[in-house]
Amino acid sequence: MRHGETVYNATRTLQSNSIHTPLTRLGFEQAVAMGQALRHHLGERPQVTLHVSDTGRALQTAALVCEELGLDWFAAQRTMDLKEIDMGSWCLRSYDAVEAEHGPITLADHLLRPAPDGEDYPAIAERLKRWIDLLGDGGGDHVVVMHGISSRVLRGLMAGYPQHPEHGAPIAPSLVQGSIALVENGVETVLFGSERGTEHA
């Protein structure tokens, strides 16, 4: 699940993983809609393990999803392994300001060009592989609330997407904020939302 729109998304500002950026009214609506869609798919109080990026926007989205599903938000497994791409010294700056100095940072297919002192796609893949390995193979369903770019790499790993020729990691297609992707037995389907994504991290 990709978190709902934040105030930084709305103002085209590159977000940090350490600064809390609250959801907008639209972001709240997206999170509630995701919870309702998941409840329709899984039922009330499903037996799932909830994993959340330990960032304000993901935790806030998860709280609204939990309310719709009847899940205990406090039982969520919070980890920075699920954080968004680290944009280094570009964090907290507007897209326009960074692009005026460094050229385009929004690439084809709504990807972001990594910052010189930030995280690249292979690095994202490595931390997400580590997270997958830590999960083990205990079975059961898992609900994951995280971010646009990093979720594309996680979905790429789990659904066996090919390695991106330029970025050196498997990257799934972009999904809009407030979307749910289902990966089951190595196959991905869009459960809720749209494949027409935005570049906002």
Foldseek 3Di string as FASTA:
>chain_A
DAQFAFPCNVQQAAAAQVDATEHDPRRLVLLLVLLQLVCVVQNAPHPAAEEEEPHNRLLVSVVNSCVSRVHDSVRHHYDNLQADWHQPPSHGPHQVVVCVPPNHQQDPLLEGNHHPPTDALVRNLVSLVVVVVVVPPPDDHYHYYHHFFSVQQNLQVQLVADQDPPRGGRGHGTFAHSWDWDADPSHIDTSDGDSDYHNHD
